[in-house]
C-alpha atoms as a PDB file:
ATOM      1  CA  UNK A   1     190.579 122.618  45.145  1.00  0.00           C
ATOM      2  CA  UNK A   2     190.400 119.424  43.028  1.00  0.00           C
ATOM      3  CA  UNK A   3     187.053 117.596  42.991  1.00  0.00           C
ATOM      4  CA  UNK A   4     186.777 114.242  41.198  1.00  0.00           C
ATOM      5  CA  UNK A   5     183.384 113.483  39.639  1.00  0.00           C
ATOM      6  CA  UNK A   6     182.204 110.646  37.370  1.00  0.00           C
ATOM      7  CA  UNK A   7     183.133 111.344  33.750  1.00  0.00           C
ATOM      8  CA  UNK A   8     179.586 111.102  32.423  1.00  0.00           C
ATOM      9  CA  UNK A   9     178.420 113.739  34.931  1.00  0.00           C
ATOM     10  CA  UNK A  10     181.388 116.062  34.527  1.00  0.00           C
ATOM     11  CA  UNK A  11     180.232 118.221  31.618  1.00  0.00           C
ATOM     12  CA  UNK A  12     176.795 118.669  33.154  1.00  0.00           C
ATOM     13  CA  UNK A  13     178.060 119.569  36.622  1.00  0.00           C
ATOM     14  CA  UNK A  14     180.913 121.961  35.728  1.00  0.00           C
ATOM     15  CA  UNK A  15     178.789 125.040  34.856  1.00  0.00           C
ATOM     16  CA  UNK A  16     176.628 124.620  37.957  1.00  0.00           C
ATOM     17  CA  UNK A  17     179.672 124.251  40.197  1.00  0.00           C
ATOM     18  CA  UNK A  18     181.245 127.356  38.624  1.00  0.00           C
ATOM     19  CA  UNK A  19     178.348 129.403  39.986  1.00  0.00           C
ATOM     20  CA  UNK A  20     178.201 127.911  43.473  1.00  0.00           C
ATOM     21  CA  UNK A  21     181.858 127.099  44.096  1.00  0.00           C
ATOM     22  CA  UNK A  22     184.118 128.811  41.535  1.00  0.00           C
ATOM     23  CA  UNK A  23     187.195 127.842  43.573  1.00  0.00           C
ATOM     24  CA  UNK A  24     186.593 124.147  42.836  1.00  0.00           C
ATOM     25  CA  UNK A  25     188.175 122.472  39.813  1.00  0.00           C
ATOM     26  CA  UNK A  26     186.072 119.500  38.735  1.00  0.00           C
ATOM     27  CA  UNK A  27     187.945 116.683  37.008  1.00  0.00           C
ATOM     28  CA  UNK A  28     186.408 113.489  35.573  1.00  0.00           C
ATOM     29  CA  UNK A  29     187.235 109.943  36.586  1.00  0.00           C
ATOM     30  CA  UNK A  30     186.065 106.715  34.995  1.00  0.00           C
ATOM     31  CA  UNK A  31     185.579 103.125  36.106  1.00  0.00           C
ATOM     32  CA  UNK A  32     188.271 101.833  33.740  1.00  0.00           C
ATOM     33  CA  UNK A  33     191.973 101.473  34.429  1.00  0.00           C
ATOM     34  CA  UNK A  34     193.134 104.837  33.126  1.00  0.00           C
ATOM     35  CA  UNK A  35     195.125 106.981  35.557  1.00  0.00           C
ATOM     36  CA  UNK A  36     193.132 109.530  37.524  1.00  0.00           C
ATOM     37  CA  UNK A  37     194.321 113.080  36.825  1.00  0.00           C
ATOM     38  CA  UNK A  38     195.726 115.075  39.739  1.00  0.00           C
ATOM     39  CA  UNK A  39     194.943 112.304  42.195  1.00  0.00           C
ATOM     40  CA  UNK A  40     197.701 113.518  44.463  1.00  0.00           C
ATOM     41  CA  UNK A  41     195.895 116.883  44.824  1.00  0.00           C
ATOM     42  CA  UNK A  42     192.276 115.700  44.934  1.00  0.00           C
ATOM     43  CA  UNK A  43     190.394 116.513  48.124  1.00  0.00           C
ATOM     44  CA  UNK A  44     186.854 115.496  47.197  1.00  0.00           C
ATOM     45  CA  UNK A  45     185.392 112.425  45.447  1.00  0.00           C
ATOM     46  CA  UNK A  46     181.797 112.369  44.237  1.00  0.00           C
ATOM     47  CA  UNK A  47     180.399 108.855  43.755  1.00  0.00           C
ATOM     48  CA  UNK A  48     177.344 108.537  41.517  1.00  0.00           C
ATOM     49  CA  UNK A  49     175.876 105.104  40.686  1.00  0.00           C
ATOM     50  CA  UNK A  50     179.218 103.684  39.702  1.00  0.00           C
ATOM     51  CA  UNK A  51     181.375 100.707  40.482  1.00  0.00           C
ATOM     52  CA  UNK A  52     184.135 100.583  43.063  1.00  0.00           C
ATOM     53  CA  UNK A  53     186.659 102.912  41.424  1.00  0.00           C
ATOM     54  CA  UNK A  54     185.719 105.580  43.941  1.00  0.00           C
ATOM     55  CA  UNK A  55     187.049 103.304  46.679  1.00  0.00           C
ATOM     56  CA  UNK A  56     190.407 102.910  44.925  1.00  0.00           C
ATOM     57  CA  UNK A  57     190.625 106.667  44.478  1.00  0.00           C
ATOM     58  CA  UNK A  58     189.863 107.356  48.127  1.00  0.00           C
ATOM     59  CA  UNK A  59     192.532 104.862  49.163  1.00  0.00           C
ATOM     60  CA  UNK A  60     195.199 106.094  46.736  1.00  0.00           C
ATOM     61  CA  UNK A  61     194.513 109.804  47.017  1.00  0.00           C
ATOM     62  CA  UNK A  62     196.728 111.114  49.831  1.00  0.00           C
ATOM     63  CA  UNK A  63     194.698 114.295  50.274  1.00  0.00           C
ATOM     64  CA  UNK A  64     191.136 113.012  49.828  1.00  0.00           C
ATOM     65  CA  UNK A  65     189.178 114.315  52.812  1.00  0.00           C
ATOM     66  CA  UNK A  66     185.558 114.002  51.724  1.00  0.00           C
ATOM     67  CA  UNK A  67     183.602 111.299  49.915  1.00  0.00           C
ATOM     68  CA  UNK A  68     180.068 112.121  48.843  1.00  0.00           C
ATOM     69  CA  UNK A  69     177.660 109.521  47.480  1.00  0.00           C
ATOM     70  CA  UNK A  70     174.466 110.181  45.573  1.00  0.00           C
ATOM     71  CA  UNK A  71     172.894 107.149  47.253  1.00  0.00           C
ATOM     72  CA  UNK A  72     170.827 107.153  50.418  1.00  0.00           C
ATOM     73  CA  UNK A  73     172.128 103.821  51.697  1.00  0.00           C
ATOM     74  CA  UNK A  74     175.846 103.480  52.307  1.00  0.00           C
ATOM     75  CA  UNK A  75     176.242  99.717  52.792  1.00  0.00           C
ATOM     76  CA  UNK A  76     177.902  99.516  49.343  1.00  0.00           C
ATOM     77  CA  UNK A  77     179.961 102.646  49.958  1.00  0.00           C
ATOM     78  CA  UNK A  78     181.665 101.794  53.237  1.00  0.00           C
ATOM     79  CA  UNK A  79     184.368  99.579  51.761  1.00  0.00           C
ATOM     80  CA  UNK A  80     187.434  98.561  53.752  1.00  0.00           C
ATOM     81  CA  UNK A  81     189.420 101.282  51.994  1.00  0.00           C
ATOM     82  CA  UNK A  82     186.875 103.948  52.903  1.00  0.00           C
ATOM     83  CA  UNK A  83     186.672 102.811  56.515  1.00  0.00           C
ATOM     84  CA  UNK A  84     190.441 102.798  56.835  1.00  0.00           C
ATOM     85  CA  UNK A  85     190.959 106.333  55.507  1.00  0.00           C
ATOM     86  CA  UNK A  86     191.994 108.578  58.416  1.00  0.00           C
ATOM     87  CA  UNK A  87     189.735 111.563  59.048  1.00  0.00           C
ATOM     88  CA  UNK A  88     187.642 110.929  55.916  1.00  0.00           C
ATOM     89  CA  UNK A  89     184.194 112.543  55.943  1.00  0.00           C
ATOM     90  CA  UNK A  90     181.453 110.536  54.217  1.00  0.00           C
ATOM     91  CA  UNK A  91     178.128 112.135  53.286  1.00  0.00           C
ATOM     92  CA  UNK A  92     175.045 110.682  51.615  1.00  0.00           C
ATOM     93  CA  UNK A  93     172.038 112.064  49.744  1.00  0.00           C
ATOM     94  CA  UNK A  94     169.073 110.619  51.636  1.00  0.00           C
ATOM     95  CA  UNK A  95     166.982 113.855  51.741  1.00  0.00           C
ATOM     96  CA  UNK A  96     166.875 113.944  47.937  1.00  0.00           C
ATOM     97  CA  UNK A  97     164.979 110.645  47.839  1.00  0.00           C
ATOM     98  CA  UNK A  98     162.183 111.588  50.201  1.00  0.00           C
ATOM     99  CA  UNK A  99     159.739 112.779  47.543  1.00  0.00           C
ATOM    100  CA  UNK A 100     159.881 109.995  44.927  1.00  0.00           C
ATOM    101  CA  UNK A 101     160.157 107.085  47.355  1.00  0.00           C
ATOM    102  CA  UNK A 102     157.514 108.371  49.780  1.00  0.00           C
ATOM    103  CA  UNK A 103     155.150 108.951  46.853  1.00  0.00           C
ATOM    104  CA  UNK A 104     155.911 105.461  45.548  1.00  0.00           C
ATOM    105  CA  UNK A 105     155.104 103.902  48.916  1.00  0.00           C
ATOM    106  CA  UNK A 106     151.797 105.778  49.065  1.00  0.00           C
ATOM    107  CA  UNK A 107     150.957 104.684  45.522  1.00  0.00           C
ATOM    108  CA  UNK A 108     151.389 101.061  46.566  1.00  0.00           C
ATOM    109  CA  UNK A 109     149.183 101.617  49.592  1.00  0.00           C
ATOM    110  CA  UNK A 110     146.468 103.149  47.436  1.00  0.00           C
ATOM    111  CA  UNK A 111     146.759 100.305  44.918  1.00  0.00           C
ATOM    112  CA  UNK A 112     146.365  97.691  47.665  1.00  0.00           C
ATOM    113  CA  UNK A 113     143.495  99.366  49.528  1.00  0.00           C
ATOM    114  CA  UNK A 114     141.513 100.231  46.425  1.00  0.00           C
ATOM    115  CA  UNK A 115     142.392  96.997  44.578  1.00  0.00           C
ATOM    116  CA  UNK A 116     143.528  98.880  41.496  1.00  0.00           C
ATOM    117  CA  UNK A 117     145.017  95.849  39.746  1.00  0.00           C
ATOM    118  CA  UNK A 118     141.687  94.003  39.968  1.00  0.00           C
ATOM    119  CA  UNK A 119     139.830  97.080  38.757  1.00  0.00           C
ATOM    120  CA  UNK A 120     142.048  97.128  35.674  1.00  0.00           C
ATOM    121  CA  UNK A 121     141.452  93.411  35.071  1.00  0.00           C
ATOM    122  CA  UNK A 122     137.691  93.955  35.006  1.00  0.00           C
ATOM    123  CA  UNK A 123     138.176  96.860  32.594  1.00  0.00           C
ATOM    124  CA  UNK A 124     140.272  94.749  30.216  1.00  0.00           C
ATOM    125  CA  UNK A 125     137.580  92.053  30.353  1.00  0.00           C
ATOM    126  CA  UNK A 126     134.900  94.699  29.538  1.00  0.00           C
ATOM    127  CA  UNK A 127     133.111  93.563  32.659  1.00  0.00           C
ATOM    128  CA  UNK A 128     130.838  96.094  34.405  1.00  0.00           C
ATOM    129  CA  UNK A 129     131.358  94.809  37.919  1.00  0.00           C
ATOM    130  CA  UNK A 130     132.154  96.799  41.042  1.00  0.00           C
ATOM    131  CA  UNK A 131     134.876  95.544  43.369  1.00  0.00           C
ATOM    132  CA  UNK A 132     134.604  96.321  47.088  1.00  0.00           C
ATOM    133  CA  UNK A 133     137.613  98.262  48.273  1.00  0.00           C
ATOM    134  CA  UNK A 134     138.818 100.009  51.397  1.00  0.00           C
ATOM    135  CA  UNK A 135     139.737 103.477  52.601  1.00  0.00           C
ATOM    136  CA  UNK A 136     143.256 104.279  53.757  1.00  0.00           C
ATOM    137  CA  UNK A 137     141.785 106.908  56.077  1.00  0.00           C
ATOM    138  CA  UNK A 138     141.822 105.511  59.609  1.00  0.00           C
ATOM    139  CA  UNK A 139     144.287 102.719  58.877  1.00  0.00           C
ATOM    140  CA  UNK A 140     147.724 102.519  60.469  1.00  0.00           C
ATOM    141  CA  UNK A 141     151.127 102.544  58.791  1.00  0.00           C
ATOM    142  CA  UNK A 142     154.202 101.514  60.734  1.00  0.00           C
ATOM    143  CA  UNK A 143     157.502 102.789  59.367  1.00  0.00           C
ATOM    144  CA  UNK A 144     160.732 101.096  60.399  1.00  0.00           C
ATOM    145  CA  UNK A 145     163.431 103.750  60.118  1.00  0.00           C
ATOM    146  CA  UNK A 146     162.688 107.452  60.517  1.00  0.00           C
ATOM    147  CA  UNK A 147     165.354 109.053  58.381  1.00  0.00           C
ATOM    148  CA  UNK A 148     164.403 111.469  55.617  1.00  0.00           C
ATOM    149  CA  UNK A 149     162.574 108.809  53.596  1.00  0.00           C
ATOM    150  CA  UNK A 150     160.738 107.266  56.551  1.00  0.00           C
ATOM    151  CA  UNK A 151     159.654 110.687  57.788  1.00  0.00           C
ATOM    152  CA  UNK A 152     158.520 111.541  54.275  1.00  0.00           C
ATOM    153  CA  UNK A 153     156.258 108.488  54.242  1.00  0.00           C
ATOM    154  CA  UNK A 154     154.795 109.374  57.650  1.00  0.00           C
ATOM    155  CA  UNK A 155     154.151 113.026  56.766  1.00  0.00           C
ATOM    156  CA  UNK A 156     152.274 112.146  53.603  1.00  0.00           C
ATOM    157  CA  UNK A 157     150.364 109.289  55.219  1.00  0.00           C
ATOM    158  CA  UNK A 158     149.296 111.465  58.145  1.00  0.00           C
ATOM    159  CA  UNK A 159     147.974 114.070  55.683  1.00  0.00           C
ATOM    160  CA  UNK A 160     145.680 111.331  54.318  1.00  0.00           C
ATOM    161  CA  UNK A 161     144.229 110.587  57.746  1.00  0.00           C
ATOM    162  CA  UNK A 162     146.384 107.519  58.289  1.00  0.00           C
ATOM    163  CA  UNK A 163     147.711 106.863  61.790  1.00  0.00           C
ATOM    164  CA  UNK A 164     151.506 106.755  61.809  1.00  0.00           C
ATOM    165  CA  UNK A 165     153.824 104.665  63.950  1.00  0.00           C
ATOM    166  CA  UNK A 166     157.580 104.847  63.571  1.00  0.00           C
ATOM    167  CA  UNK A 167     160.553 102.900  64.857  1.00  0.00           C
ATOM    168  CA  UNK A 168     163.744 104.792  65.568  1.00  0.00           C
ATOM    169  CA  UNK A 169     167.042 104.076  67.270  1.00  0.00           C
ATOM    170  CA  UNK A 170     166.709 106.603  70.109  1.00  0.00           C
ATOM    171  CA  UNK A 171     163.673 107.871  72.058  1.00  0.00           C
ATOM    172  CA  UNK A 172     162.065 111.158  71.057  1.00  0.00           C
ATOM    173  CA  UNK A 173     159.182 112.656  69.128  1.00  0.00           C
ATOM    174  CA  UNK A 174     159.295 113.026  65.351  1.00  0.00           C
ATOM    175  CA  UNK A 175     157.252 115.429  63.241  1.00  0.00           C
ATOM    176  CA  UNK A 176     154.491 113.639  61.334  1.00  0.00           C
ATOM    177  CA  UNK A 177     154.679 110.535  63.535  1.00  0.00           C
ATOM    178  CA  UNK A 178     151.836 109.883  65.973  1.00  0.00           C
ATOM    179  CA  UNK A 179     153.884 107.463  68.032  1.00  0.00           C
ATOM    180  CA  UNK A 180     157.663 107.053  67.856  1.00  0.00           C
ATOM    181  CA  UNK A 181     158.828 103.695  69.208  1.00  0.00           C
ATOM    182  CA  UNK A 182     162.216 102.235  70.049  1.00  0.00           C
ATOM    183  CA  UNK A 183     163.800  98.868  70.764  1.00  0.00           C
ATOM    184  CA  UNK A 184     162.550  95.302  70.273  1.00  0.00           C
ATOM    185  CA  UNK A 185     159.351  95.967  72.225  1.00  0.00           C
ATOM    186  CA  UNK A 186     158.646  99.008  70.075  1.00  0.00           C
ATOM    187  CA  UNK A 187     159.147  96.951  66.923  1.00  0.00           C
ATOM    188  CA  UNK A 188     156.784  94.249  68.145  1.00  0.00           C
ATOM    189  CA  UNK A 189     154.168  96.883  68.981  1.00  0.00           C
ATOM    190  CA  UNK A 190     154.523  98.447  65.533  1.00  0.00           C
ATOM    191  CA  UNK A 191     154.206  95.103  63.744  1.00  0.00           C
ATOM    192  CA  UNK A 192     151.126  94.003  65.672  1.00  0.00           C
ATOM    193  CA  UNK A 193     149.240  97.282  65.146  1.00  0.00           C
ATOM    194  CA  UNK A 194     150.054  98.249  61.560  1.00  0.00           C
ATOM    195  CA  UNK A 195     147.968  97.627  58.456  1.00  0.00           C
ATOM    196  CA  UNK A 196     151.009  98.498  56.350  1.00  0.00           C
ATOM    197  CA  UNK A 197     154.588  97.939  57.526  1.00  0.00           C
ATOM    198  CA  UNK A 198     157.135 100.002  55.606  1.00  0.00           C
ATOM    199  CA  UNK A 199     160.850  99.260  55.857  1.00  0.00           C
ATOM    200  CA  UNK A 200     162.887 102.431  55.389  1.00  0.00           C
ATOM    201  CA  UNK A 201     165.887 101.618  57.582  1.00  0.00           C
ATOM    202  CA  UNK A 202     169.511 101.389  56.465  1.00  0.00           C
ATOM    203  CA  UNK A 203     171.186  98.002  56.239  1.00  0.00           C
ATOM    204  CA  UNK A 204     173.519  97.669  59.210  1.00  0.00           C
ATOM    205  CA  UNK A 205     174.619  94.750  61.395  1.00  0.00           C
ATOM    206  CA  UNK A 206     171.710  95.659  63.695  1.00  0.00           C
ATOM    207  CA  UNK A 207     169.051  95.634  60.965  1.00  0.00           C
ATOM    208  CA  UNK A 208     170.263  92.662  58.925  1.00  0.00           C
ATOM    209  CA  UNK A 209     167.581  89.979  59.306  1.00  0.00           C
ATOM    210  CA  UNK A 210     165.542  92.288  61.543  1.00  0.00           C
ATOM    211  CA  UNK A 211     162.258  90.988  60.158  1.00  0.00           C
ATOM    212  CA  UNK A 212     162.728  87.348  61.013  1.00  0.00           C
ATOM    213  CA  UNK A 213     160.067  84.658  60.777  1.00  0.00           C
ATOM    214  CA  UNK A 214     158.854  85.210  64.364  1.00  0.00           C
ATOM    215  CA  UNK A 215     158.683  88.947  63.777  1.00  0.00           C
ATOM    216  CA  UNK A 216     156.715  88.549  60.540  1.00  0.00           C
ATOM    217  CA  UNK A 217     154.334  86.324  62.489  1.00  0.00           C
ATOM    218  CA  UNK A 218     153.524  89.299  64.727  1.00  0.00           C
ATOM    219  CA  UNK A 219     152.010  91.206  61.804  1.00  0.00           C
ATOM    220  CA  UNK A 220     148.244  91.388  61.328  1.00  0.00           C
ATOM    221  CA  UNK A 221     146.824  88.619  59.098  1.00  0.00           C
ATOM    222  CA  UNK A 222     145.686  91.219  56.558  1.00  0.00           C
ATOM    223  CA  UNK A 223     148.749  93.484  56.813  1.00  0.00           C
ATOM    224  CA  UNK A 224     151.019  94.278  53.873  1.00  0.00           C
ATOM    225  CA  UNK A 225     154.790  94.591  54.015  1.00  0.00           C
ATOM    226  CA  UNK A 226     156.427  97.299  51.881  1.00  0.00           C
ATOM    227  CA  UNK A 227     160.221  97.195  51.533  1.00  0.00           C
ATOM    228  CA  UNK A 228     162.053 100.046  49.800  1.00  0.00           C
ATOM    229  CA  UNK A 229     165.245  99.752  51.886  1.00  0.00           C
ATOM    230  CA  UNK A 230     167.378  96.609  51.525  1.00  0.00           C
ATOM    231  CA  UNK A 231     166.344  93.018  50.956  1.00  0.00           C
ATOM    232  CA  UNK A 232     168.673  91.637  53.612  1.00  0.00           C
ATOM    233  CA  UNK A 233     166.658  93.340  56.345  1.00  0.00           C
ATOM    234  CA  UNK A 234     163.949  90.705  55.788  1.00  0.00           C
ATOM    235  CA  UNK A 235     164.243  86.936  56.115  1.00  0.00           C
ATOM    236  CA  UNK A 236     163.049  86.348  52.560  1.00  0.00           C
ATOM    237  CA  UNK A 237     162.365  82.639  52.990  1.00  0.00           C
ATOM    238  CA  UNK A 238     160.225  83.336  56.047  1.00  0.00           C
ATOM    239  CA  UNK A 239     158.396  86.062  54.134  1.00  0.00           C
ATOM    240  CA  UNK A 240     157.659  83.681  51.268  1.00  0.00           C
ATOM    241  CA  UNK A 241     156.237  81.123  53.694  1.00  0.00           C
ATOM    242  CA  UNK A 242     154.052  83.777  55.322  1.00  0.00           C
ATOM    243  CA  UNK A 243     152.763  84.914  51.934  1.00  0.00           C
ATOM    244  CA  UNK A 244     152.078  81.381  50.725  1.00  0.00           C
ATOM    245  CA  UNK A 245     150.209  80.451  53.896  1.00  0.00           C
ATOM    246  CA  UNK A 246     148.167  83.648  54.034  1.00  0.00           C
ATOM    247  CA  UNK A 247     149.701  84.619  57.375  1.00  0.00           C
ATOM    248  CA  UNK A 248     149.916  88.210  56.059  1.00  0.00           C
ATOM    249  CA  UNK A 249     147.972  90.006  53.369  1.00  0.00           C
ATOM    250  CA  UNK A 250     150.763  90.611  50.895  1.00  0.00           C
ATOM    251  CA  UNK A 251     153.969  92.429  50.087  1.00  0.00           C
ATOM    252  CA  UNK A 252     155.181  95.264  47.868  1.00  0.00           C
ATOM    253  CA  UNK A 253     158.875  94.681  47.279  1.00  0.00           C
ATOM    254  CA  UNK A 254     161.440  96.879  45.583  1.00  0.00           C
ATOM    255  CA  UNK A 255     164.506  95.172  47.086  1.00  0.00           C
ATOM    256  CA  UNK A 256     165.520  91.557  47.558  1.00  0.00           C
ATOM    257  CA  UNK A 257     168.114  89.288  49.156  1.00  0.00           C
ATOM    258  CA  UNK A 258     169.589  88.658  45.686  1.00  0.00           C
ATOM    259  CA  UNK A 259     169.287  91.212  42.900  1.00  0.00           C
ATOM    260  CA  UNK A 260     168.160  90.876  40.195  1.00  0.00           C
ATOM    261  CA  UNK A 261     165.495  88.649  41.715  1.00  0.00           C
ATOM    262  CA  UNK A 262     166.194  85.097  40.445  1.00  0.00           C
ATOM    263  CA  UNK A 263     163.785  83.852  37.803  1.00  0.00           C
ATOM    264  CA  UNK A 264     162.911  80.813  39.910  1.00  0.00           C
ATOM    265  CA  UNK A 265     161.808  82.875  42.927  1.00  0.00           C
ATOM    266  CA  UNK A 266     158.201  82.047  43.898  1.00  0.00           C
ATOM    267  CA  UNK A 267     157.665  85.765  44.579  1.00  0.00           C
ATOM    268  CA  UNK A 268     157.248  86.422  40.848  1.00  0.00           C
ATOM    269  CA  UNK A 269     154.013  84.436  40.581  1.00  0.00           C
ATOM    270  CA  UNK A 270     152.292  85.297  43.849  1.00  0.00           C
ATOM    271  CA  UNK A 271     149.006  87.180  43.365  1.00  0.00           C
ATOM    272  CA  UNK A 272     149.532  89.063  46.635  1.00  0.00           C
ATOM    273  CA  UNK A 273     152.984  90.409  45.741  1.00  0.00           C
ATOM    274  CA  UNK A 274     153.966  93.499  43.760  1.00  0.00           C
ATOM    275  CA  UNK A 275     157.549  93.660  42.484  1.00  0.00           C
ATOM    276  CA  UNK A 276     159.684  96.516  41.192  1.00  0.00           C
ATOM    277  CA  UNK A 277     163.418  96.273  40.314  1.00  0.00           C
ATOM    278  CA  UNK A 278     165.080  98.368  43.062  1.00  0.00           C
ATOM    279  CA  UNK A 279     163.684 101.432  41.349  1.00  0.00           C
ATOM    280  CA  UNK A 280     161.342 103.064  43.859  1.00  0.00           C
ATOM    281  CA  UNK A 281     163.274 106.316  43.451  1.00  0.00           C
ATOM    282  CA  UNK A 282     162.291 106.341  39.770  1.00  0.00           C
ATOM    283  CA  UNK A 283     165.304 108.378  38.593  1.00  0.00           C
ATOM    284  CA  UNK A 284     162.977 111.339  38.191  1.00  0.00           C
ATOM    285  CA  UNK A 285     164.161 114.659  36.804  1.00  0.00           C
ATOM    286  CA  UNK A 286     163.376 116.276  40.147  1.00  0.00           C
ATOM    287  CA  UNK A 287     165.535 113.735  41.945  1.00  0.00           C
ATOM    288  CA  UNK A 288     168.569 114.483  39.793  1.00  0.00           C
ATOM    289  CA  UNK A 289     168.144 118.214  40.381  1.00  0.00           C
ATOM    290  CA  UNK A 290     168.026 117.702  44.155  1.00  0.00           C
ATOM    291  CA  UNK A 291     171.001 115.314  44.125  1.00  0.00           C
ATOM    292  CA  UNK A 292     173.219 117.837  42.373  1.00  0.00           C
ATOM    293  CA  UNK A 293     171.972 120.749  44.462  1.00  0.00           C
ATOM    294  CA  UNK A 294     172.648 118.855  47.679  1.00  0.00           C
ATOM    295  CA  UNK A 295     176.231 118.076  46.641  1.00  0.00           C
ATOM    296  CA  UNK A 296     176.936 121.620  45.472  1.00  0.00           C
ATOM    297  CA  UNK A 297     175.571 123.122  48.684  1.00  0.00           C
ATOM    298  CA  UNK A 298     177.852 120.819  50.668  1.00  0.00           C
ATOM    299  CA  UNK A 299     180.769 121.691  48.390  1.00  0.00           C
ATOM    300  CA  UNK A 300     180.278 125.343  49.266  1.00  0.00           C
ATOM    301  CA  UNK A 301     180.266 124.439  52.966  1.00  0.00           C
ATOM    302  CA  UNK A 302     183.382 122.316  52.563  1.00  0.00           C
ATOM    303  CA  UNK A 303     185.294 125.155  50.900  1.00  0.00           C
ATOM    304  CA  UNK A 304     184.147 127.575  53.600  1.00  0.00           C
ATOM    305  CA  UNK A 305     185.159 125.213  56.386  1.00  0.00           C
ATOM    306  CA  UNK A 306     181.572 124.830  57.608  1.00  0.00           C
ATOM    307  CA  UNK A 307     179.979 121.591  58.911  1.00  0.00           C
ATOM    308  CA  UNK A 308     178.583 119.409  56.135  1.00  0.00           C
ATOM    309  CA  UNK A 309     175.035 118.124  56.026  1.00  0.00           C
ATOM    310  CA  UNK A 310     174.093 114.413  55.869  1.00  0.00           C
ATOM    311  CA  UNK A 311     177.305 113.160  57.452  1.00  0.00           C
ATOM    312  CA  UNK A 312     177.407 109.369  57.773  1.00  0.00           C
ATOM    313  CA  UNK A 313     178.443 107.882  61.093  1.00  0.00           C
ATOM    314  CA  UNK A 314     180.782 105.200  59.776  1.00  0.00           C
ATOM    315  CA  UNK A 315     180.575 103.221  63.023  1.00  0.00           C
ATOM    316  CA  UNK A 316     176.758 103.087  62.823  1.00  0.00           C
ATOM    317  CA  UNK A 317     176.766 102.703  59.023  1.00  0.00           C
ATOM    318  CA  UNK A 318     174.139 105.370  58.364  1.00  0.00           C
END
């Protein structure tokens, strides 16, 4: 079985694959124009933080049956060529991101509640002055999107004594979530009751622009918005107006409508905004280990003819 993997990952992945799936022959592909070896026999393509060459390979490879991406979101993966491929299975790696992103969200919540940035400013000024701060215990976090990452946020928050609300597509209870909500009414309830609103939903036609100006206006005046999903889920202009007017407490933003965030964006200079460059996952060593292990476990299932984990519903786009 021929498996195409990014050239820079090839040497690292070959010995691990030889243990788990010795039947698989891993061959490298690059993002340049060189021919792809054995494309006519390739059955699997592994996309890892690359350009769009994977899409060309999927389209041109007559026997490609499975595309795996190391990303959690698939909005950049579901190209026209991928969508048009008959019987193609697409899988993502969302469970691998639960730990670093959930921890990152909690770190922002701690920083906001305990005013860590201001504490550091007083230290740098050699000023012995206490700053009143708050407890997270007893507050409420509302998580929009209860996939692996959203559930990871809720589980960790609940362990800290934080009440958890979650918005999901279909009704049903979710472990670690005190109240699982659905639909527009559920979203409005979550926004009006949460001290922190965390966006962890995929970008789909349904979620694009989900947090519009009127929806942002439903948030508590002291609430903070945390977005680690996709910038297009939020009406960024409406968010800026809400932040400038003090309609909400602040925002912790890892993703934006345009990336990199333009230098002239007013978000850069707002005292109630924290910005990171689409890097909440941190590229930690643990993340890379989980990403490879997840793919190799699925490769073993694929060879054995077993159902794969983390299959993407192409029609729903997640």
